[in-house]
């Protein structure tokens, strides 16, 4: 059996996985709320929050962008 590192595959850290799941769920809630209340800014921001972890490889960047997006959605939620 070949180790994954020899194949060039590196598994993400536990912190990265937790962040991806957490921000994905928060994005799903925002997307559904935006769709239900017909608020396009919240809906599309929620979609971005769900999908951006696929393009980010650094854990610190995942958390930084996720927190920024969450604050943005929170400010737009009742605006």
N, C-alpha and C. Protein backbone atom coordinates (compact mmCIF):
# COMPACT_ATOMS: atom_id res chain seq x y z
N UNK A 1 0.85 -1.18 0.00
CA UNK A 1 0.00 0.00 0.00
C UNK A 1 0.89 1.24 0.00
N UNK A 2 0.63 2.17 -0.89
CA UNK A 2 1.44 3.37 -1.06
C UNK A 2 0.89 4.49 -0.17
N UNK A 3 1.76 5.14 0.61
CA UNK A 3 1.29 6.29 1.39
C UNK A 3 0.81 7.41 0.48
N UNK A 4 -0.17 8.17 0.94
CA UNK A 4 -0.74 9.24 0.13
C UNK A 4 0.29 10.31 -0.21
N UNK A 5 1.24 10.56 0.69
CA UNK A 5 2.23 11.59 0.43
C UNK A 5 3.11 11.24 -0.77
N UNK A 6 3.33 9.97 -1.02
CA UNK A 6 4.12 9.58 -2.19
C UNK A 6 3.34 9.80 -3.48
N UNK A 7 2.03 9.85 -3.39
CA UNK A 7 1.20 10.10 -4.56
C UNK A 7 0.96 11.59 -4.78
N UNK A 8 1.49 12.43 -3.88
CA UNK A 8 1.30 13.87 -4.00
C UNK A 8 0.00 14.35 -3.40
N UNK A 9 -0.62 13.53 -2.57
CA UNK A 9 -1.89 13.89 -1.95
C UNK A 9 -1.63 14.24 -0.49
N UNK A 10 -2.09 15.42 -0.09
CA UNK A 10 -1.92 15.85 1.29
C UNK A 10 -3.30 16.14 1.88
N UNK A 11 -3.62 15.50 2.98
CA UNK A 11 -4.92 15.70 3.61
C UNK A 11 -4.93 17.01 4.38
N UNK A 12 -6.06 17.72 4.38
CA UNK A 12 -6.13 18.98 5.13
C UNK A 12 -6.15 18.72 6.64
N UNK A 13 -5.82 19.76 7.39
CA UNK A 13 -5.81 19.63 8.85
C UNK A 13 -7.24 19.56 9.38
N UNK A 14 -7.36 19.14 10.62
CA UNK A 14 -8.67 19.06 11.26
C UNK A 14 -9.30 20.44 11.38
N UNK A 15 -8.49 21.46 11.66
CA UNK A 15 -8.99 22.83 11.76
C UNK A 15 -9.58 23.29 10.43
N UNK A 16 -8.93 22.93 9.34
CA UNK A 16 -9.42 23.29 8.01
C UNK A 16 -10.76 22.59 7.73
N UNK A 17 -10.84 21.31 8.06
CA UNK A 17 -12.08 20.56 7.81
C UNK A 17 -13.24 21.11 8.64
N UNK A 18 -12.98 21.44 9.90
CA UNK A 18 -14.02 22.01 10.76
C UNK A 18 -14.49 23.34 10.20
N UNK A 19 -13.54 24.19 9.77
CA UNK A 19 -13.91 25.47 9.18
C UNK A 19 -14.72 25.32 7.91
N UNK A 20 -14.33 24.39 7.07
CA UNK A 20 -15.07 24.16 5.82
C UNK A 20 -16.51 23.75 6.10
N UNK A 21 -16.69 22.84 7.02
CA UNK A 21 -18.03 22.37 7.36
C UNK A 21 -18.84 23.49 8.02
N UNK A 22 -18.23 24.20 8.97
CA UNK A 22 -18.92 25.27 9.68
C UNK A 22 -19.36 26.38 8.72
N UNK A 23 -18.45 26.85 7.89
CA UNK A 23 -18.81 27.93 6.97
C UNK A 23 -19.75 27.45 5.87
N UNK A 24 -19.64 26.20 5.49
CA UNK A 24 -20.59 25.66 4.52
C UNK A 24 -22.01 25.62 5.06
N UNK A 25 -22.15 25.21 6.31
CA UNK A 25 -23.49 25.19 6.93
C UNK A 25 -24.04 26.59 7.12
N UNK A 26 -23.17 27.51 7.54
CA UNK A 26 -23.62 28.90 7.72
C UNK A 26 -24.01 29.50 6.37
N UNK A 27 -23.28 29.16 5.33
CA UNK A 27 -23.63 29.63 3.99
C UNK A 27 -24.96 29.07 3.52
N UNK A 28 -25.22 27.81 3.84
CA UNK A 28 -26.49 27.20 3.48
C UNK A 28 -27.65 27.91 4.17
N UNK A 29 -27.49 28.22 5.43
CA UNK A 29 -28.53 28.95 6.17
C UNK A 29 -28.76 30.32 5.55
N UNK A 30 -27.67 31.04 5.24
CA UNK A 30 -27.80 32.37 4.64
C UNK A 30 -28.44 32.28 3.26
N UNK A 31 -28.04 31.30 2.46
CA UNK A 31 -28.60 31.15 1.12
C UNK A 31 -30.11 30.88 1.19
N UNK A 32 -30.50 29.98 2.09
CA UNK A 32 -31.93 29.68 2.22
C UNK A 32 -32.72 30.87 2.73
N UNK A 33 -32.15 31.60 3.69
CA UNK A 33 -32.82 32.79 4.22
C UNK A 33 -32.96 33.85 3.13
N UNK A 34 -31.89 34.06 2.37
CA UNK A 34 -31.94 35.04 1.28
C UNK A 34 -32.93 34.67 0.20
N UNK A 35 -33.03 33.38 -0.09
CA UNK A 35 -33.98 32.92 -1.10
C UNK A 35 -35.41 33.06 -0.59
N UNK A 36 -35.62 32.73 0.68
CA UNK A 36 -36.96 32.79 1.27
C UNK A 36 -37.46 34.24 1.39
N UNK A 37 -36.57 35.14 1.77
CA UNK A 37 -36.95 36.54 1.97
C UNK A 37 -36.71 37.39 0.73
N UNK A 38 -36.28 36.76 -0.36
CA UNK A 38 -36.01 37.45 -1.62
C UNK A 38 -35.00 38.57 -1.45
N UNK A 39 -33.89 38.24 -0.77
CA UNK A 39 -32.79 39.20 -0.56
C UNK A 39 -31.57 38.67 -1.31
N UNK A 40 -31.33 39.19 -2.51
CA UNK A 40 -30.25 38.64 -3.34
C UNK A 40 -28.85 38.79 -2.73
N UNK A 41 -28.60 39.85 -1.98
CA UNK A 41 -27.26 40.02 -1.39
C UNK A 41 -26.97 38.91 -0.39
N UNK A 42 -27.94 38.58 0.45
CA UNK A 42 -27.77 37.51 1.43
C UNK A 42 -27.69 36.16 0.73
N UNK A 43 -28.54 35.96 -0.26
CA UNK A 43 -28.54 34.69 -0.99
C UNK A 43 -27.21 34.42 -1.67
N UNK A 44 -26.69 35.38 -2.43
CA UNK A 44 -25.44 35.16 -3.16
C UNK A 44 -24.24 35.15 -2.23
N UNK A 45 -24.29 35.91 -1.15
CA UNK A 45 -23.20 35.85 -0.16
C UNK A 45 -23.17 34.48 0.51
N UNK A 46 -24.33 33.91 0.77
CA UNK A 46 -24.39 32.57 1.33
C UNK A 46 -23.83 31.53 0.38
N UNK A 47 -24.09 31.70 -0.91
CA UNK A 47 -23.54 30.79 -1.90
C UNK A 47 -22.01 30.88 -1.95
N UNK A 48 -21.50 32.10 -1.89
CA UNK A 48 -20.04 32.29 -1.85
C UNK A 48 -19.46 31.65 -0.60
N UNK A 49 -20.13 31.81 0.53
CA UNK A 49 -19.66 31.22 1.78
C UNK A 49 -19.63 29.70 1.70
N UNK A 50 -20.56 29.11 0.97
CA UNK A 50 -20.57 27.66 0.81
C UNK A 50 -19.46 27.16 -0.11
N UNK A 51 -19.14 27.93 -1.14
CA UNK A 51 -18.25 27.42 -2.19
C UNK A 51 -16.79 27.86 -2.09
N UNK A 52 -16.50 28.94 -1.37
CA UNK A 52 -15.13 29.44 -1.37
C UNK A 52 -14.10 28.47 -0.78
N UNK A 53 -14.43 27.58 0.16
CA UNK A 53 -13.40 26.66 0.66
C UNK A 53 -12.79 25.76 -0.41
N UNK A 54 -13.48 25.56 -1.53
CA UNK A 54 -12.93 24.73 -2.60
C UNK A 54 -11.74 25.39 -3.28
N UNK A 55 -11.62 26.72 -3.16
CA UNK A 55 -10.53 27.43 -3.82
C UNK A 55 -9.44 27.91 -2.88
N UNK A 56 -9.57 27.65 -1.59
CA UNK A 56 -8.61 28.13 -0.59
C UNK A 56 -7.84 26.93 -0.05
N UNK A 57 -6.52 27.05 0.04
CA UNK A 57 -5.72 25.93 0.55
C UNK A 57 -5.13 26.20 1.92
N UNK A 58 -4.99 27.46 2.30
CA UNK A 58 -4.40 27.80 3.60
C UNK A 58 -5.48 27.89 4.67
N UNK A 59 -5.21 27.31 5.83
CA UNK A 59 -6.18 27.30 6.92
C UNK A 59 -6.47 28.70 7.44
N UNK A 60 -5.43 29.51 7.61
CA UNK A 60 -5.64 30.87 8.15
C UNK A 60 -6.48 31.70 7.19
N UNK A 61 -6.29 31.50 5.88
CA UNK A 61 -7.06 32.25 4.90
C UNK A 61 -8.51 31.78 4.88
N UNK A 62 -8.74 30.49 5.06
CA UNK A 62 -10.09 29.95 5.13
C UNK A 62 -10.86 30.61 6.26
N UNK A 63 -10.24 30.67 7.44
CA UNK A 63 -10.90 31.26 8.60
C UNK A 63 -11.06 32.77 8.47
N UNK A 64 -10.06 33.45 7.93
CA UNK A 64 -10.15 34.91 7.78
C UNK A 64 -11.26 35.30 6.82
N UNK A 65 -11.29 34.70 5.63
CA UNK A 65 -12.33 35.01 4.66
C UNK A 65 -13.71 34.57 5.16
N UNK A 66 -13.76 33.43 5.83
CA UNK A 66 -15.03 32.96 6.38
C UNK A 66 -15.61 33.91 7.40
N UNK A 67 -14.77 34.42 8.28
CA UNK A 67 -15.24 35.37 9.28
C UNK A 67 -15.66 36.69 8.65
N UNK A 68 -14.91 37.14 7.66
CA UNK A 68 -15.28 38.38 6.96
C UNK A 68 -16.62 38.21 6.25
N UNK A 69 -16.80 37.10 5.57
CA UNK A 69 -18.08 36.85 4.90
C UNK A 69 -19.23 36.72 5.89
N UNK A 70 -18.99 36.09 7.03
CA UNK A 70 -20.04 35.97 8.05
C UNK A 70 -20.45 37.33 8.59
N UNK A 71 -19.47 38.19 8.83
CA UNK A 71 -19.78 39.55 9.31
C UNK A 71 -20.57 40.29 8.24
N UNK A 72 -20.16 40.17 6.98
CA UNK A 72 -20.87 40.82 5.87
C UNK A 72 -22.33 40.35 5.82
N UNK A 73 -22.55 39.06 5.91
CA UNK A 73 -23.91 38.52 5.87
C UNK A 73 -24.70 38.98 7.08
N UNK A 74 -24.07 39.00 8.24
CA UNK A 74 -24.76 39.45 9.46
C UNK A 74 -25.20 40.91 9.33
N UNK A 75 -24.35 41.75 8.73
CA UNK A 75 -24.72 43.16 8.54
C UNK A 75 -25.83 43.31 7.52
N UNK A 76 -25.90 42.43 6.53
CA UNK A 76 -26.93 42.51 5.50
C UNK A 76 -28.24 41.81 5.88
N UNK A 77 -28.19 40.97 6.91
CA UNK A 77 -29.33 40.11 7.28
C UNK A 77 -30.59 40.92 7.53
N UNK A 78 -30.51 41.97 8.34
CA UNK A 78 -31.71 42.75 8.71
C UNK A 78 -31.69 44.15 8.12
N UNK A 79 -30.84 44.38 7.16
CA UNK A 79 -30.71 45.72 6.58
C UNK A 79 -31.93 46.09 5.79
